Amino acid sequence: MIRRLFYMSLGAGLAIWVMRRLQALHPQHVARRTADRAASMAGQVRDLTAYALDEAAVRETELRAQLKLED
């Protein structure tokens, strides 16, 4: 009896897991996840670019001060 209950609950759990995995493969879900990841990546690239430009400006100021160049 316990063995049957165990296997029945294992099968139900596995069926639920499979259904969720199959729903995650639906084209609308895939498109939404792809769009979210692309937007996130674009934000990260924007942040990296802003950081690099800020650091380049700081370094340029340091070099101009060292070389005594006018702006």
PDB file of N, CA and C in Angstrom:
ATOM      1  N   MET A   1       0.822  -1.194   0.000  1.00  0.00           N
ATOM      2  CA  MET A   1       0.000   0.000   0.000  1.00  0.00           C
ATOM      3  C   MET A   1       0.868   1.260   0.000  1.00  0.00           C
ATOM      4  N   ILE A   2       1.865   1.310   0.881  1.00  0.00           N
ATOM      5  CA  ILE A   2       2.744   2.470   0.957  1.00  0.00           C
ATOM      6  C   ILE A   2       3.532   2.613  -0.346  1.00  0.00           C
ATOM      7  N   ARG A   3       3.957   1.475  -0.894  1.00  0.00           N
ATOM      8  CA  ARG A   3       4.716   1.500  -2.134  1.00  0.00           C
ATOM      9  C   ARG A   3       3.874   2.086  -3.261  1.00  0.00           C
ATOM     10  N   ARG A   4       2.629   1.699  -3.357  1.00  0.00           N
ATOM     11  CA  ARG A   4       1.748   2.222  -4.404  1.00  0.00           C
ATOM     12  C   ARG A   4       1.517   3.721  -4.224  1.00  0.00           C
ATOM     13  N   LEU A   5       1.311   4.124  -3.001  1.00  0.00           N
ATOM     14  CA  LEU A   5       1.120   5.552  -2.719  1.00  0.00           C
ATOM     15  C   LEU A   5       2.376   6.349  -3.093  1.00  0.00           C
ATOM     16  N   PHE A   6       3.541   5.781  -2.782  1.00  0.00           N
ATOM     17  CA  PHE A   6       4.807   6.436  -3.133  1.00  0.00           C
ATOM     18  C   PHE A   6       4.931   6.605  -4.646  1.00  0.00           C
ATOM     19  N   TYR A   7       4.685   5.532  -5.391  1.00  0.00           N
ATOM     20  CA  TYR A   7       4.828   5.608  -6.843  1.00  0.00           C
ATOM     21  C   TYR A   7       3.753   6.489  -7.480  1.00  0.00           C
ATOM     22  N   MET A   8       2.557   6.511  -6.895  1.00  0.00           N
ATOM     23  CA  MET A   8       1.512   7.375  -7.415  1.00  0.00           C
ATOM     24  C   MET A   8       1.894   8.840  -7.204  1.00  0.00           C
ATOM     25  N   SER A   9       2.397   9.180  -6.030  1.00  0.00           N
ATOM     26  CA  SER A   9       2.796  10.570  -5.777  1.00  0.00           C
ATOM     27  C   SER A   9       4.031  10.938  -6.608  1.00  0.00           C
ATOM     28  N   LEU A  10       4.936   9.988  -6.809  1.00  0.00           N
ATOM     29  CA  LEU A  10       6.094  10.240  -7.663  1.00  0.00           C
ATOM     30  C   LEU A  10       5.648  10.507  -9.102  1.00  0.00           C
ATOM     31  N   GLY A  11       4.729   9.729  -9.607  1.00  0.00           N
ATOM     32  CA  GLY A  11       4.207   9.919 -10.953  1.00  0.00           C
ATOM     33  C   GLY A  11       3.474  11.246 -11.087  1.00  0.00           C
ATOM     34  N   ALA A  12       2.693  11.621 -10.084  1.00  0.00           N
ATOM     35  CA  ALA A  12       1.970  12.897 -10.127  1.00  0.00           C
ATOM     36  C   ALA A  12       2.961  14.058 -10.123  1.00  0.00           C
ATOM     37  N   GLY A  13       3.964  13.968  -9.283  1.00  0.00           N
ATOM     38  CA  GLY A  13       4.985  15.023  -9.235  1.00  0.00           C
ATOM     39  C   GLY A  13       5.737  15.144 -10.551  1.00  0.00           C
ATOM     40  N   LEU A  14       6.076  13.994 -11.130  1.00  0.00           N
ATOM     41  CA  LEU A  14       6.769  13.992 -12.408  1.00  0.00           C
ATOM     42  C   LEU A  14       5.884  14.564 -13.517  1.00  0.00           C
ATOM     43  N   ALA A  15       4.604  14.236 -13.493  1.00  0.00           N
ATOM     44  CA  ALA A  15       3.674  14.759 -14.491  1.00  0.00           C
ATOM     45  C   ALA A  15       3.553  16.279 -14.375  1.00  0.00           C
ATOM     46  N   ILE A  16       3.481  16.783 -13.165  1.00  0.00           N
ATOM     47  CA  ILE A  16       3.411  18.235 -12.962  1.00  0.00           C
ATOM     48  C   ILE A  16       4.687  18.900 -13.465  1.00  0.00           C
ATOM     49  N   TRP A  17       5.821  18.319 -13.151  1.00  0.00           N
ATOM     50  CA  TRP A  17       7.102  18.878 -13.596  1.00  0.00           C
ATOM     51  C   TRP A  17       7.192  18.902 -15.123  1.00  0.00           C
ATOM     52  N   VAL A  18       6.781  17.813 -15.767  1.00  0.00           N
ATOM     53  CA  VAL A  18       6.824  17.744 -17.230  1.00  0.00           C
ATOM     54  C   VAL A  18       5.883  18.773 -17.842  1.00  0.00           C
ATOM     55  N   MET A  19       4.700  18.935 -17.292  1.00  0.00           N
ATOM     56  CA  MET A  19       3.745  19.908 -17.826  1.00  0.00           C
ATOM     57  C   MET A  19       4.297  21.328 -17.714  1.00  0.00           C
ATOM     58  N   ARG A  20       4.936  21.646 -16.612  1.00  0.00           N
ATOM     59  CA  ARG A  20       5.519  22.978 -16.462  1.00  0.00           C
ATOM     60  C   ARG A  20       6.660  23.199 -17.449  1.00  0.00           C
ATOM     61  N   ARG A  21       7.465  22.176 -17.662  1.00  0.00           N
ATOM     62  CA  ARG A  21       8.566  22.296 -18.628  1.00  0.00           C
ATOM     63  C   ARG A  21       8.024  22.478 -20.041  1.00  0.00           C
ATOM     64  N   LEU A  22       6.955  21.769 -20.364  1.00  0.00           N
ATOM     65  CA  LEU A  22       6.357  21.908 -21.690  1.00  0.00           C
ATOM     66  C   LEU A  22       5.713  23.279 -21.877  1.00  0.00           C
ATOM     67  N   GLN A  23       5.095  23.803 -20.831  1.00  0.00           N
ATOM     68  CA  GLN A  23       4.510  25.134 -20.916  1.00  0.00           C
ATOM     69  C   GLN A  23       5.585  26.193 -21.080  1.00  0.00           C
ATOM     70  N   ALA A  24       6.755  25.974 -20.492  1.00  0.00           N
ATOM     71  CA  ALA A  24       7.851  26.930 -20.618  1.00  0.00           C
ATOM     72  C   ALA A  24       8.388  26.977 -22.040  1.00  0.00           C
ATOM     73  N   LEU A  25       8.129  25.935 -22.827  1.00  0.00           N
ATOM     74  CA  LEU A  25       8.602  25.903 -24.208  1.00  0.00           C
ATOM     75  C   LEU A  25       7.605  26.508 -25.185  1.00  0.00           C
ATOM     76  N   HIS A  26       6.481  26.989 -24.690  1.00  0.00           N
ATOM     77  CA  HIS A  26       5.474  27.601 -25.551  1.00  0.00           C
ATOM     78  C   HIS A  26       6.095  28.837 -26.212  1.00  0.00           C
ATOM     79  N   PRO A  27       5.828  29.075 -27.489  1.00  0.00           N
ATOM     80  CA  PRO A  27       6.468  30.188 -28.208  1.00  0.00           C
ATOM     81  C   PRO A  27       6.291  31.563 -27.547  1.00  0.00           C
ATOM     82  N   GLN A  28       5.136  31.813 -26.950  1.00  0.00           N
ATOM     83  CA  GLN A  28       4.931  33.105 -26.290  1.00  0.00           C
ATOM     84  C   GLN A  28       5.859  33.259 -25.091  1.00  0.00           C
ATOM     85  N   HIS A  29       6.044  32.186 -24.343  1.00  0.00           N
ATOM     86  CA  HIS A  29       6.923  32.236 -23.178  1.00  0.00           C
ATOM     87  C   HIS A  29       8.369  32.418 -23.615  1.00  0.00           C
ATOM     88  N   VAL A  30       8.753  31.705 -24.657  1.00  0.00           N
ATOM     89  CA  VAL A  30      10.122  31.814 -25.155  1.00  0.00           C
ATOM     90  C   VAL A  30      10.374  33.227 -25.667  1.00  0.00           C
ATOM     91  N   ALA A  31       9.419  33.784 -26.394  1.00  0.00           N
ATOM     92  CA  ALA A  31       9.576  35.143 -26.924  1.00  0.00           C
ATOM     93  C   ALA A  31       9.675  36.160 -25.793  1.00  0.00           C
ATOM     94  N   ARG A  32       8.856  36.007 -24.767  1.00  0.00           N
ATOM     95  CA  ARG A  32       8.881  36.942 -23.639  1.00  0.00           C
ATOM     96  C   ARG A  32      10.217  36.867 -22.903  1.00  0.00           C
ATOM     97  N   ARG A  33      10.700  35.637 -22.646  1.00  0.00           N
ATOM     98  CA  ARG A  33      11.984  35.490 -21.955  1.00  0.00           C
ATOM     99  C   ARG A  33      13.125  36.064 -22.784  1.00  0.00           C
ATOM    100  N   THR A  34      13.078  35.835 -24.104  1.00  0.00           N
ATOM    101  CA  THR A  34      14.122  36.352 -24.978  1.00  0.00           C
ATOM    102  C   THR A  34      14.115  37.879 -24.978  1.00  0.00           C
ATOM    103  N   ALA A  35      12.940  38.469 -25.043  1.00  0.00           N
ATOM    104  CA  ALA A  35      12.838  39.929 -25.027  1.00  0.00           C
ATOM    105  C   ALA A  35      13.329  40.494 -23.695  1.00  0.00           C
ATOM    106  N   ASP A  36      12.971  39.853 -22.597  1.00  0.00           N
ATOM    107  CA  ASP A  36      13.427  40.315 -21.287  1.00  0.00           C
ATOM    108  C   ASP A  36      14.946  40.237 -21.167  1.00  0.00           C
ATOM    109  N   ARG A  37      15.519  39.142 -21.641  1.00  0.00           N
ATOM    110  CA  ARG A  37      16.978  38.992 -21.569  1.00  0.00           C
ATOM    111  C   ARG A  37      17.681  39.988 -22.476  1.00  0.00           C
ATOM    112  N   ALA A  38      17.108  40.255 -23.648  1.00  0.00           N
ATOM    113  CA  ALA A  38      17.709  41.231 -24.559  1.00  0.00           C
ATOM    114  C   ALA A  38      17.667  42.629 -23.941  1.00  0.00           C
ATOM    115  N   ALA A  39      16.563  42.977 -23.321  1.00  0.00           N
ATOM    116  CA  ALA A  39      16.453  44.286 -22.673  1.00  0.00           C
ATOM    117  C   ALA A  39      17.443  44.394 -21.518  1.00  0.00           C
ATOM    118  N   SER A  40      17.580  43.330 -20.762  1.00  0.00           N
ATOM    119  CA  SER A  40      18.535  43.318 -19.661  1.00  0.00           C
ATOM    120  C   SER A  40      19.963  43.470 -20.174  1.00  0.00           C
ATOM    121  N   MET A  41      20.279  42.751 -21.235  1.00  0.00           N
ATOM    122  CA  MET A  41      21.619  42.827 -21.799  1.00  0.00           C
ATOM    123  C   MET A  41      21.893  44.226 -22.360  1.00  0.00           C
ATOM    124  N   ALA A  42      20.899  44.839 -22.992  1.00  0.00           N
ATOM    125  CA  ALA A  42      21.062  46.193 -23.520  1.00  0.00           C
ATOM    126  C   ALA A  42      21.346  47.176 -22.389  1.00  0.00           C
ATOM    127  N   GLY A  43      20.672  46.998 -21.273  1.00  0.00           N
ATOM    128  CA  GLY A  43      20.925  47.843 -20.108  1.00  0.00           C
ATOM    129  C   GLY A  43      22.333  47.662 -19.569  1.00  0.00           C
ATOM    130  N   GLN A  44      22.797  46.424 -19.542  1.00  0.00           N
ATOM    131  CA  GLN A  44      24.151  46.164 -19.076  1.00  0.00           C
ATOM    132  C   GLN A  44      25.191  46.772 -20.009  1.00  0.00           C
ATOM    133  N   VAL A  45      24.943  46.696 -21.315  1.00  0.00           N
ATOM    134  CA  VAL A  45      25.867  47.292 -22.286  1.00  0.00           C
ATOM    135  C   VAL A  45      25.882  48.806 -22.124  1.00  0.00           C
ATOM    136  N   ARG A  46      24.700  49.406 -21.914  1.00  0.00           N
ATOM    137  CA  ARG A  46      24.631  50.849 -21.681  1.00  0.00           C
ATOM    138  C   ARG A  46      25.427  51.243 -20.446  1.00  0.00           C
ATOM    139  N   ASP A  47      25.271  50.488 -19.366  1.00  0.00           N
ATOM    140  CA  ASP A  47      26.010  50.775 -18.135  1.00  0.00           C
ATOM    141  C   ASP A  47      27.509  50.647 -18.344  1.00  0.00           C
ATOM    142  N   LEU A  48      27.925  49.595 -19.039  1.00  0.00           N
ATOM    143  CA  LEU A  48      29.342  49.391 -19.304  1.00  0.00           C
ATOM    144  C   LEU A  48      29.905  50.522 -20.152  1.00  0.00           C
ATOM    145  N   THR A  49      29.168  50.949 -21.160  1.00  0.00           N
ATOM    146  CA  THR A  49      29.616  52.035 -22.021  1.00  0.00           C
ATOM    147  C   THR A  49      29.755  53.332 -21.234  1.00  0.00           C
ATOM    148  N   ALA A  50      28.777  53.633 -20.407  1.00  0.00           N
ATOM    149  CA  ALA A  50      28.830  54.844 -19.595  1.00  0.00           C
ATOM    150  C   ALA A  50      30.030  54.800 -18.647  1.00  0.00           C
ATOM    151  N   TYR A  51      30.258  53.660 -18.030  1.00  0.00           N
ATOM    152  CA  TYR A  51      31.391  53.502 -17.122  1.00  0.00           C
ATOM    153  C   TYR A  51      32.709  53.689 -17.865  1.00  0.00           C
ATOM    154  N   ALA A  52      32.835  53.077 -19.044  1.00  0.00           N
ATOM    155  CA  ALA A  52      34.076  53.177 -19.816  1.00  0.00           C
ATOM    156  C   ALA A  52      34.326  54.619 -20.258  1.00  0.00           C
ATOM    157  N   LEU A  53      33.283  55.314 -20.686  1.00  0.00           N
ATOM    158  CA  LEU A  53      33.449  56.708 -21.095  1.00  0.00           C
ATOM    159  C   LEU A  53      33.839  57.600 -19.925  1.00  0.00           C
ATOM    160  N   ASP A  54      33.241  57.348 -18.763  1.00  0.00           N
ATOM    161  CA  ASP A  54      33.608  58.125 -17.571  1.00  0.00           C
ATOM    162  C   ASP A  54      35.064  57.893 -17.192  1.00  0.00           C
ATOM    163  N   GLU A  55      35.480  56.653 -17.191  1.00  0.00           N
ATOM    164  CA  GLU A  55      36.870  56.337 -16.849  1.00  0.00           C
ATOM    165  C   GLU A  55      37.844  56.902 -17.873  1.00  0.00           C
ATOM    166  N   ALA A  56      37.464  56.897 -19.145  1.00  0.00           N
ATOM    167  CA  ALA A  56      38.322  57.463 -20.192  1.00  0.00           C
ATOM    168  C   ALA A  56      38.469  58.972 -19.993  1.00  0.00           C
ATOM    169  N   ALA A  57      37.386  59.632 -19.623  1.00  0.00           N
ATOM    170  CA  ALA A  57      37.446  61.076 -19.384  1.00  0.00           C
ATOM    171  C   ALA A  57      38.340  61.396 -18.194  1.00  0.00           C
ATOM    172  N   VAL A  58      38.244  60.597 -17.141  1.00  0.00           N
ATOM    173  CA  VAL A  58      39.092  60.800 -15.971  1.00  0.00           C
ATOM    174  C   VAL A  58      40.563  60.605 -16.343  1.00  0.00           C
ATOM    175  N   ARG A  59      40.832  59.549 -17.075  1.00  0.00           N
ATOM    176  CA  ARG A  59      42.219  59.273 -17.476  1.00  0.00           C
ATOM    177  C   ARG A  59      42.758  60.363 -18.398  1.00  0.00           C
ATOM    178  N   GLU A  60      41.914  60.861 -19.299  1.00  0.00           N
ATOM    179  CA  GLU A  60      42.347  61.929 -20.195  1.00  0.00           C
ATOM    180  C   GLU A  60      42.701  63.178 -19.397  1.00  0.00           C
ATOM    181  N   THR A  61      41.893  63.485 -18.391  1.00  0.00           N
ATOM    182  CA  THR A  61      42.176  64.633 -17.535  1.00  0.00           C
ATOM    183  C   THR A  61      43.502  64.441 -16.813  1.00  0.00           C
ATOM    184  N   GLU A  62      43.762  63.254 -16.306  1.00  0.00           N
ATOM    185  CA  GLU A  62      45.030  62.968 -15.627  1.00  0.00           C
ATOM    186  C   GLU A  62      46.213  63.136 -16.581  1.00  0.00           C
ATOM    187  N   LEU A  63      46.086  62.600 -17.787  1.00  0.00           N
ATOM    188  CA  LEU A  63      47.176  62.701 -18.754  1.00  0.00           C
ATOM    189  C   LEU A  63      47.414  64.144 -19.176  1.00  0.00           C
ATOM    190  N   ARG A  64      46.355  64.898 -19.372  1.00  0.00           N
ATOM    191  CA  ARG A  64      46.520  66.307 -19.742  1.00  0.00           C
ATOM    192  C   ARG A  64      47.217  67.074 -18.621  1.00  0.00           C
ATOM    193  N   ALA A  65      46.896  66.742 -17.371  1.00  0.00           N
ATOM    194  CA  ALA A  65      47.546  67.409 -16.244  1.00  0.00           C
ATOM    195  C   ALA A  65      49.025  67.014 -16.172  1.00  0.00           C
ATOM    196  N   GLN A  66      49.341  65.763 -16.397  1.00  0.00           N
ATOM    197  CA  GLN A  66      50.737  65.302 -16.384  1.00  0.00           C
ATOM    198  C   GLN A  66      51.562  65.931 -17.494  1.00  0.00           C
ATOM    199  N   LEU A  67      50.983  66.033 -18.660  1.00  0.00           N
ATOM    200  CA  LEU A  67      51.698  66.551 -19.832  1.00  0.00           C
ATOM    201  C   LEU A  67      51.566  68.065 -19.973  1.00  0.00           C
ATOM    202  N   LYS A  68      50.796  68.668 -19.062  1.00  0.00           N
ATOM    203  CA  LYS A  68      50.586  70.121 -19.041  1.00  0.00           C
ATOM    204  C   LYS A  68      50.050  70.619 -20.388  1.00  0.00           C
ATOM    205  N   LEU A  69      49.047  69.923 -20.876  1.00  0.00           N
ATOM    206  CA  LEU A  69      48.388  70.320 -22.116  1.00  0.00           C
ATOM    207  C   LEU A  69      47.168  71.169 -21.768  1.00  0.00           C
ATOM    208  N   GLU A  70      46.835  72.110 -22.660  1.00  0.00           N
ATOM    209  CA  GLU A  70      45.656  72.946 -22.439  1.00  0.00           C
ATOM    210  C   GLU A  70      44.426  72.233 -22.976  1.00  0.00           C
ATOM    211  N   ASP A  71      43.285  72.557 -22.421  1.00  0.00           N
ATOM    212  CA  ASP A  71      42.021  71.967 -22.902  1.00  0.00           C
ATOM    213  C   ASP A  71      41.583  72.580 -24.183  1.00  0.00           C
TER     214      ASP A  71
END
